[in-house]
C-alpha atoms as a PDB file:
ATOM      1  CA  UNK A   1      29.180   0.710  21.176  1.00  0.00           C
ATOM      2  CA  UNK A   2      30.434  -2.101  23.710  1.00  0.00           C
ATOM      3  CA  UNK A   3      28.022  -4.037  25.734  1.00  0.00           C
ATOM      4  CA  UNK A   4      29.414  -4.888  28.793  1.00  0.00           C
ATOM      5  CA  UNK A   5      26.990  -7.322  30.443  1.00  0.00           C
ATOM      6  CA  UNK A   6      23.248  -8.403  30.516  1.00  0.00           C
ATOM      7  CA  UNK A   7      22.234  -5.356  32.825  1.00  0.00           C
ATOM      8  CA  UNK A   8      23.863  -3.387  30.110  1.00  0.00           C
ATOM      9  CA  UNK A   9      21.871  -4.913  27.180  1.00  0.00           C
ATOM     10  CA  UNK A  10      18.900  -4.680  29.518  1.00  0.00           C
ATOM     11  CA  UNK A  11      19.127  -1.066  30.032  1.00  0.00           C
ATOM     12  CA  UNK A  12      19.647  -0.554  25.988  1.00  0.00           C
ATOM     13  CA  UNK A  13      16.295  -2.306  25.498  1.00  0.00           C
ATOM     14  CA  UNK A  14      14.517  -0.412  28.055  1.00  0.00           C
ATOM     15  CA  UNK A  15      15.451   2.939  26.551  1.00  0.00           C
ATOM     16  CA  UNK A  16      14.508   1.598  23.319  1.00  0.00           C
ATOM     17  CA  UNK A  17      10.998   0.583  24.618  1.00  0.00           C
ATOM     18  CA  UNK A  18      10.448   3.685  25.919  1.00  0.00           C
ATOM     19  CA  UNK A  19      10.876   5.465  22.477  1.00  0.00           C
ATOM     20  CA  UNK A  20       8.831   2.578  20.130  1.00  0.00           C
ATOM     21  CA  UNK A  21       5.583   2.595  19.083  1.00  0.00           C
ATOM     22  CA  UNK A  22       3.031   0.653  16.924  1.00  0.00           C
ATOM     23  CA  UNK A  23       4.185  -0.068  13.419  1.00  0.00           C
ATOM     24  CA  UNK A  24       7.741   0.458  14.356  1.00  0.00           C
ATOM     25  CA  UNK A  25      10.223  -2.331  13.512  1.00  0.00           C
ATOM     26  CA  UNK A  26      13.574  -3.682  14.897  1.00  0.00           C
ATOM     27  CA  UNK A  27      15.849  -5.501  12.921  1.00  0.00           C
ATOM     28  CA  UNK A  28      18.564  -7.737  14.805  1.00  0.00           C
ATOM     29  CA  UNK A  29      21.212  -8.695  12.603  1.00  0.00           C
ATOM     30  CA  UNK A  30      24.229 -11.008  13.637  1.00  0.00           C
ATOM     31  CA  UNK A  31      25.590 -14.513  13.910  1.00  0.00           C
ATOM     32  CA  UNK A  32      23.969 -17.191  15.950  1.00  0.00           C
ATOM     33  CA  UNK A  33      24.065 -17.043  19.951  1.00  0.00           C
ATOM     34  CA  UNK A  34      25.271 -13.109  19.847  1.00  0.00           C
ATOM     35  CA  UNK A  35      22.444 -12.001  21.594  1.00  0.00           C
ATOM     36  CA  UNK A  36      19.216 -11.412  19.552  1.00  0.00           C
ATOM     37  CA  UNK A  37      16.724 -13.045  21.196  1.00  0.00           C
ATOM     38  CA  UNK A  38      18.108 -11.614  24.745  1.00  0.00           C
ATOM     39  CA  UNK A  39      17.483  -8.438  23.597  1.00  0.00           C
ATOM     40  CA  UNK A  40      14.194  -9.149  22.539  1.00  0.00           C
ATOM     41  CA  UNK A  41      13.431 -10.936  25.329  1.00  0.00           C
ATOM     42  CA  UNK A  42      14.341  -8.086  27.804  1.00  0.00           C
ATOM     43  CA  UNK A  43      12.276  -5.482  25.711  1.00  0.00           C
ATOM     44  CA  UNK A  44       9.422  -8.019  25.995  1.00  0.00           C
ATOM     45  CA  UNK A  45       9.981  -8.709  29.458  1.00  0.00           C
ATOM     46  CA  UNK A  46      10.273  -4.639  30.331  1.00  0.00           C
ATOM     47  CA  UNK A  47       6.690  -4.049  28.621  1.00  0.00           C
ATOM     48  CA  UNK A  48       5.227  -6.845  30.628  1.00  0.00           C
ATOM     49  CA  UNK A  49       6.155  -5.427  33.773  1.00  0.00           C
ATOM     50  CA  UNK A  50       5.470  -1.530  32.690  1.00  0.00           C
ATOM     51  CA  UNK A  51       2.024  -2.879  32.061  1.00  0.00           C
ATOM     52  CA  UNK A  52       1.428  -4.776  35.168  1.00  0.00           C
ATOM     53  CA  UNK A  53       1.480  -8.192  33.077  1.00  0.00           C
ATOM     54  CA  UNK A  54       2.875 -11.415  34.508  1.00  0.00           C
ATOM     55  CA  UNK A  55       6.250 -11.761  32.570  1.00  0.00           C
ATOM     56  CA  UNK A  56       6.471 -14.429  30.258  1.00  0.00           C
ATOM     57  CA  UNK A  57       9.298 -16.840  28.868  1.00  0.00           C
ATOM     58  CA  UNK A  58      10.825 -15.062  25.913  1.00  0.00           C
ATOM     59  CA  UNK A  59      11.819 -17.890  23.018  1.00  0.00           C
ATOM     60  CA  UNK A  60      13.466 -17.870  19.895  1.00  0.00           C
ATOM     61  CA  UNK A  61      10.915 -18.483  17.065  1.00  0.00           C
ATOM     62  CA  UNK A  62      13.804 -20.326  14.905  1.00  0.00           C
ATOM     63  CA  UNK A  63      11.172 -23.454  14.316  1.00  0.00           C
ATOM     64  CA  UNK A  64       7.843 -21.716  14.572  1.00  0.00           C
ATOM     65  CA  UNK A  65       8.848 -18.478  12.573  1.00  0.00           C
ATOM     66  CA  UNK A  66       6.559 -16.120  14.733  1.00  0.00           C
ATOM     67  CA  UNK A  67       5.760 -15.568  18.533  1.00  0.00           C
ATOM     68  CA  UNK A  68       3.112 -13.157  19.364  1.00  0.00           C
ATOM     69  CA  UNK A  69       3.001 -11.185  22.608  1.00  0.00           C
ATOM     70  CA  UNK A  70      -0.239  -9.314  23.646  1.00  0.00           C
ATOM     71  CA  UNK A  71       0.416  -6.960  26.415  1.00  0.00           C
ATOM     72  CA  UNK A  72      -2.503  -4.852  27.102  1.00  0.00           C
ATOM     73  CA  UNK A  73      -2.361  -1.930  24.471  1.00  0.00           C
ATOM     74  CA  UNK A  74       0.666  -3.392  23.031  1.00  0.00           C
ATOM     75  CA  UNK A  75       1.144  -6.150  20.390  1.00  0.00           C
ATOM     76  CA  UNK A  76       4.550  -7.453  19.713  1.00  0.00           C
ATOM     77  CA  UNK A  77       5.575  -9.787  16.993  1.00  0.00           C
ATOM     78  CA  UNK A  78       8.756 -11.275  17.406  1.00  0.00           C
ATOM     79  CA  UNK A  79       9.966 -13.053  13.844  1.00  0.00           C
ATOM     80  CA  UNK A  80      13.021 -15.460  13.194  1.00  0.00           C
ATOM     81  CA  UNK A  81      13.472 -15.634   9.490  1.00  0.00           C
ATOM     82  CA  UNK A  82      16.768 -18.101  10.071  1.00  0.00           C
ATOM     83  CA  UNK A  83      15.134 -20.555   8.347  1.00  0.00           C
ATOM     84  CA  UNK A  84      13.615 -18.792   5.632  1.00  0.00           C
ATOM     85  CA  UNK A  85      15.785 -19.708   2.348  1.00  0.00           C
ATOM     86  CA  UNK A  86      14.401 -16.918  -0.254  1.00  0.00           C
ATOM     87  CA  UNK A  87      12.275 -13.831  -0.667  1.00  0.00           C
ATOM     88  CA  UNK A  88       9.345 -15.821  -2.031  1.00  0.00           C
ATOM     89  CA  UNK A  89       9.037 -17.735   1.236  1.00  0.00           C
ATOM     90  CA  UNK A  90       9.099 -14.528   2.956  1.00  0.00           C
ATOM     91  CA  UNK A  91       6.542 -13.137   0.952  1.00  0.00           C
ATOM     92  CA  UNK A  92       4.167 -15.772   1.879  1.00  0.00           C
ATOM     93  CA  UNK A  93       4.391 -14.746   5.969  1.00  0.00           C
ATOM     94  CA  UNK A  94       3.246 -11.378   5.098  1.00  0.00           C
ATOM     95  CA  UNK A  95       4.660  -9.859   7.607  1.00  0.00           C
ATOM     96  CA  UNK A  96       4.208  -6.657   6.368  1.00  0.00           C
ATOM     97  CA  UNK A  97       0.697  -7.283   4.826  1.00  0.00           C
ATOM     98  CA  UNK A  98      -1.344  -7.271   7.984  1.00  0.00           C
ATOM     99  CA  UNK A  99      -3.634  -4.466   9.214  1.00  0.00           C
ATOM    100  CA  UNK A 100      -2.461  -4.943  12.572  1.00  0.00           C
ATOM    101  CA  UNK A 101      -0.705  -2.102  14.605  1.00  0.00           C
ATOM    102  CA  UNK A 102       2.123  -4.100  15.835  1.00  0.00           C
ATOM    103  CA  UNK A 103       5.873  -4.002  17.017  1.00  0.00           C
ATOM    104  CA  UNK A 104       7.831  -6.050  14.648  1.00  0.00           C
ATOM    105  CA  UNK A 105      10.988  -7.717  15.733  1.00  0.00           C
ATOM    106  CA  UNK A 106      12.632  -9.241  13.182  1.00  0.00           C
ATOM    107  CA  UNK A 107      15.756 -11.797  13.753  1.00  0.00           C
ATOM    108  CA  UNK A 108      17.618 -12.629  10.204  1.00  0.00           C
ATOM    109  CA  UNK A 109      15.906  -9.987   8.173  1.00  0.00           C
ATOM    110  CA  UNK A 110      18.771 -10.623   4.925  1.00  0.00           C
ATOM    111  CA  UNK A 111      15.193 -11.327   2.346  1.00  0.00           C
ATOM    112  CA  UNK A 112      13.182  -8.461   3.576  1.00  0.00           C
ATOM    113  CA  UNK A 113      12.830  -6.098   0.397  1.00  0.00           C
ATOM    114  CA  UNK A 114      10.291  -3.826   1.661  1.00  0.00           C
ATOM    115  CA  UNK A 115      10.950  -0.249   2.729  1.00  0.00           C
ATOM    116  CA  UNK A 116      10.200  -0.162   6.206  1.00  0.00           C
ATOM    117  CA  UNK A 117       9.845   3.736   7.357  1.00  0.00           C
ATOM    118  CA  UNK A 118      10.508   3.593  10.821  1.00  0.00           C
ATOM    119  CA  UNK A 119      13.407   0.701  11.545  1.00  0.00           C
ATOM    120  CA  UNK A 120      15.920   0.350  13.858  1.00  0.00           C
ATOM    121  CA  UNK A 121      18.560  -1.806  13.021  1.00  0.00           C
ATOM    122  CA  UNK A 122      20.773  -3.454  15.456  1.00  0.00           C
ATOM    123  CA  UNK A 123      24.089  -5.182  14.217  1.00  0.00           C
ATOM    124  CA  UNK A 124      25.361  -7.628  17.195  1.00  0.00           C
ATOM    125  CA  UNK A 125      28.665  -9.342  16.872  1.00  0.00           C
ATOM    126  CA  UNK A 126      30.925 -11.149  19.081  1.00  0.00           C
ATOM    127  CA  UNK A 127      34.146  -9.511  20.232  1.00  0.00           C
ATOM    128  CA  UNK A 128      37.352 -11.032  21.758  1.00  0.00           C
ATOM    129  CA  UNK A 129      36.096 -10.837  25.687  1.00  0.00           C
ATOM    130  CA  UNK A 130      33.212 -13.754  25.179  1.00  0.00           C
ATOM    131  CA  UNK A 131      31.206 -11.544  27.874  1.00  0.00           C
ATOM    132  CA  UNK A 132      30.683  -8.763  25.623  1.00  0.00           C
ATOM    133  CA  UNK A 133      29.035  -7.581  22.210  1.00  0.00           C
ATOM    134  CA  UNK A 134      29.728  -4.888  19.765  1.00  0.00           C
ATOM    135  CA  UNK A 135      26.655  -3.103  18.948  1.00  0.00           C
ATOM    136  CA  UNK A 136      26.050  -0.757  15.819  1.00  0.00           C
ATOM    137  CA  UNK A 137      22.648   1.081  15.588  1.00  0.00           C
ATOM    138  CA  UNK A 138      21.066   2.382  12.036  1.00  0.00           C
ATOM    139  CA  UNK A 139      17.969   4.124  12.439  1.00  0.00           C
ATOM    140  CA  UNK A 140      16.002   4.796   9.653  1.00  0.00           C
ATOM    141  CA  UNK A 141      12.801   7.343   9.772  1.00  0.00           C
ATOM    142  CA  UNK A 142      12.085   8.516  13.044  1.00  0.00           C
ATOM    143  CA  UNK A 143      14.807   6.204  14.729  1.00  0.00           C
ATOM    144  CA  UNK A 144      17.508   8.518  12.498  1.00  0.00           C
ATOM    145  CA  UNK A 145      17.733  11.037  14.813  1.00  0.00           C
ATOM    146  CA  UNK A 146      17.596   8.720  18.080  1.00  0.00           C
ATOM    147  CA  UNK A 147      20.835   8.943  19.614  1.00  0.00           C
ATOM    148  CA  UNK A 148      21.799   5.407  21.331  1.00  0.00           C
ATOM    149  CA  UNK A 149      25.559   6.230  21.764  1.00  0.00           C
ATOM    150  CA  UNK A 150      24.548   8.199  24.886  1.00  0.00           C
ATOM    151  CA  UNK A 151      23.758   4.658  26.691  1.00  0.00           C
END
């Protein structure tokens, strides 16, 4: 699928947000600046608007590794693993060890070895038109049957 604009990306994030639930996980895969954090910002701001909560600025957690968003009954854990260099460093974060029911959005998930049952992977890449992006979906678990190509 080709994402034609920021509005199109926001529409995709809303469709995904309407289907996501606790313990679901989204892997965002793509080069620096391709739109991973922009997607996350749109999804989190949509949750905030839907719940009547003030929309916050959603930044990339590249240096912090994690930003948490408590949106009434929804908890979103936004990870950026760009600076992680190996699986040992990743295990120290305990991403999948916590008992909190949360939606996990993970940028740069290349070292994750755990089998996440309900996972949606979004592969973003640049195309010749600098304002567009190519998006490939891969769903596991409940996401396998979700048809995002209709967007």
